[in-house]
Amino acid sequence: MEILKGIKVNMSQVFLDNGKVVPVTIVEVENDITTELMNKEVVVVGKSKGKGFIGGIKKWGFRKQGETRGAKNKVRGPGSIGAQTPGRVLKGKKMAGKHGNYRVTIKGLKIVSVDDSNKKIMVSGPVPGARNSKLTIKVL
């Protein structure tokens, strides 16, 4: 298994010989590459985009409370978060907080094109992270 280090450059699309359109991610690779990598399956590891501090509705898919019956400005709040007995918030409780900036692994992608003179490869589909983020690509 060969491991490549790279930087996400941009997203694009490639038209195959049979007329199909394939969305690709352009990755600038630090290592030397050859055209033998074409059509090889890869596993891409990177950090997802950070989304900052967000509420429970966006982070966990909670639903809003009723907007009538005296709710005023509390409709997006979490409501009750547990029983009185432990007297604390249990570890792992789904609450508002920072979201994104996680280590993400994407499997089942393929190398569609190789530009060995510019040290760039095109990987089918999306890869984690924003532009200029670091990636690790494992060639299977």
Protein backbone atom coordinates (compact mmCIF):
# COMPACT_ATOMS: atom_id res chain seq x y z
CA MET A 1 0.00 0.00 0.00
CA GLU A 2 1.46 3.33 -1.10
CA ILE A 3 0.80 6.46 0.98
CA LEU A 4 0.75 9.89 -0.66
CA LYS A 5 0.69 13.25 1.14
CA GLY A 6 -1.10 16.08 -0.63
CA ILE A 7 -3.03 19.34 -0.54
CA LYS A 8 -6.59 19.79 -1.79
CA VAL A 9 -6.54 22.29 -4.64
CA ASN A 10 -10.05 22.49 -6.08
CA MET A 11 -13.12 20.61 -7.31
CA SER A 12 -13.79 20.10 -11.01
CA GLN A 13 -15.37 17.62 -13.42
CA VAL A 14 -14.03 15.30 -16.10
CA PHE A 15 -15.81 13.95 -19.18
CA LEU A 16 -15.01 10.28 -19.84
CA ASP A 17 -14.80 8.70 -23.31
CA ASN A 18 -18.31 7.22 -22.99
CA GLY A 19 -19.77 10.69 -22.27
CA LYS A 20 -20.20 10.32 -18.52
CA VAL A 21 -19.40 13.29 -16.30
CA VAL A 22 -17.36 12.48 -13.18
CA PRO A 23 -16.95 15.05 -10.37
CA VAL A 24 -13.32 15.10 -9.25
CA THR A 25 -11.12 16.74 -6.63
CA ILE A 26 -7.72 18.00 -7.75
CA VAL A 27 -4.98 17.12 -5.26
CA GLU A 28 -1.40 18.42 -5.43
CA VAL A 29 0.84 15.57 -4.27
CA GLU A 30 4.22 16.03 -2.53
CA ASN A 31 5.60 12.60 -3.54
CA ASP A 32 6.71 11.55 -7.02
CA ILE A 33 3.87 9.95 -8.94
CA THR A 34 3.54 7.88 -12.10
CA THR A 35 0.73 7.14 -14.53
CA GLU A 36 0.50 3.61 -13.05
CA LEU A 37 -1.80 5.08 -10.38
CA MET A 38 -4.65 5.53 -12.91
CA ASN A 39 -7.91 3.75 -11.94
CA LYS A 40 -6.47 2.59 -8.60
CA GLU A 41 -8.78 2.64 -5.60
CA VAL A 42 -7.80 5.02 -2.80
CA VAL A 43 -8.74 5.89 0.78
CA VAL A 44 -8.54 9.62 1.57
CA VAL A 45 -8.05 10.94 5.12
CA GLY A 46 -8.36 14.61 6.05
CA LYS A 47 -9.96 17.12 8.43
CA SER A 48 -13.49 18.30 7.72
CA LYS A 49 -14.36 21.98 7.50
CA GLY A 50 -14.80 23.62 10.88
CA LYS A 51 -18.24 25.16 11.38
CA GLY A 52 -17.67 26.88 14.73
CA PHE A 53 -20.15 26.89 17.62
CA ILE A 54 -23.61 25.75 16.51
CA GLY A 55 -26.86 24.78 18.19
CA GLY A 56 -28.43 21.39 18.75
CA ILE A 57 -30.86 21.72 15.86
CA LYS A 58 -28.12 21.98 13.25
CA LYS A 59 -25.60 19.71 14.99
CA TRP A 60 -27.82 16.82 16.08
CA GLY A 61 -31.06 17.31 14.11
CA PHE A 62 -33.16 18.23 17.16
CA ARG A 63 -36.55 19.76 16.38
CA LYS A 64 -37.84 23.11 17.49
CA GLN A 65 -40.31 23.53 20.34
CA GLY A 66 -43.82 24.80 19.71
CA GLU A 67 -43.94 28.49 18.78
CA THR A 68 -47.15 29.14 20.71
CA ARG A 69 -48.23 28.68 24.34
CA GLY A 70 -45.84 31.24 25.79
CA ALA A 71 -42.61 30.00 24.19
CA LYS A 72 -41.38 33.54 23.37
CA ASN A 73 -37.70 33.23 22.36
CA LYS A 74 -36.93 29.70 23.59
CA VAL A 75 -38.12 27.66 20.59
CA ARG A 76 -34.59 26.67 19.45
CA GLY A 77 -33.36 25.78 22.95
CA PRO A 78 -32.72 22.16 23.98
CA GLY A 79 -35.38 22.01 26.73
CA SER A 80 -34.81 19.53 29.56
CA ILE A 81 -31.44 17.74 29.43
CA GLY A 82 -31.97 14.94 31.92
CA ALA A 83 -33.16 13.75 35.30
CA GLN A 84 -32.39 15.32 38.68
CA THR A 85 -30.78 12.21 40.16
CA PRO A 86 -27.21 12.36 38.84
CA GLY A 87 -27.06 16.10 39.55
CA ARG A 88 -24.72 16.69 36.60
CA VAL A 89 -24.62 16.54 32.82
CA LEU A 90 -23.68 13.04 31.70
CA LYS A 91 -20.64 12.61 29.45
CA GLY A 92 -21.51 12.40 25.74
CA LYS A 93 -24.77 14.33 26.10
CA LYS A 94 -25.95 15.73 22.78
CA MET A 95 -25.81 19.50 23.24
CA ALA A 96 -24.81 22.63 21.35
CA GLY A 97 -21.09 23.09 20.77
CA LYS A 98 -18.28 23.21 18.25
CA HIS A 99 -18.92 21.28 15.06
CA GLY A 100 -16.63 20.15 12.25
CA ASN A 101 -12.82 20.00 12.23
CA TYR A 102 -13.02 16.20 12.67
CA ARG A 103 -10.73 13.57 11.14
CA VAL A 104 -12.71 12.05 8.26
CA THR A 105 -11.92 8.94 6.17
CA ILE A 106 -13.51 8.52 2.73
CA LYS A 107 -13.27 5.05 1.15
CA GLY A 108 -14.05 3.77 -2.32
CA LEU A 109 -12.68 6.69 -4.38
CA LYS A 110 -10.62 6.20 -7.55
CA ILE A 111 -7.82 8.11 -9.23
CA VAL A 112 -9.30 9.34 -12.52
CA SER A 113 -6.33 11.26 -13.95
CA VAL A 114 -2.61 11.77 -13.20
CA ASP A 115 -0.54 14.82 -14.20
CA ASP A 116 2.98 13.72 -13.22
CA SER A 117 4.69 16.87 -14.57
CA ASN A 118 2.71 19.15 -12.19
CA LYS A 119 2.45 16.49 -9.44
CA LYS A 120 -1.36 16.61 -9.48
CA ILE A 121 -3.93 13.81 -9.38
CA MET A 122 -7.70 13.86 -9.84
CA VAL A 123 -9.67 11.78 -7.34
CA SER A 124 -13.27 10.88 -8.12
CA GLY A 125 -15.77 12.50 -5.78
CA PRO A 126 -15.41 14.76 -2.76
CA VAL A 127 -12.60 14.67 -0.22
CA PRO A 128 -12.77 16.18 3.28
CA GLY A 129 -11.58 19.68 4.12
CA ALA A 130 -11.41 23.13 2.65
CA ARG A 131 -9.07 24.25 -0.12
CA ASN A 132 -5.36 24.05 0.79
CA SER A 133 -6.07 21.51 3.56
CA LYS A 134 -3.69 18.58 4.05
CA LEU A 135 -4.70 15.09 2.93
CA THR A 136 -3.32 11.58 3.27
CA ILE A 137 -4.09 9.30 0.33
CA LYS A 138 -3.66 5.53 0.71
CA VAL A 139 -3.42 3.74 -2.64
CA LEU A 140 -4.82 0.19 -2.39
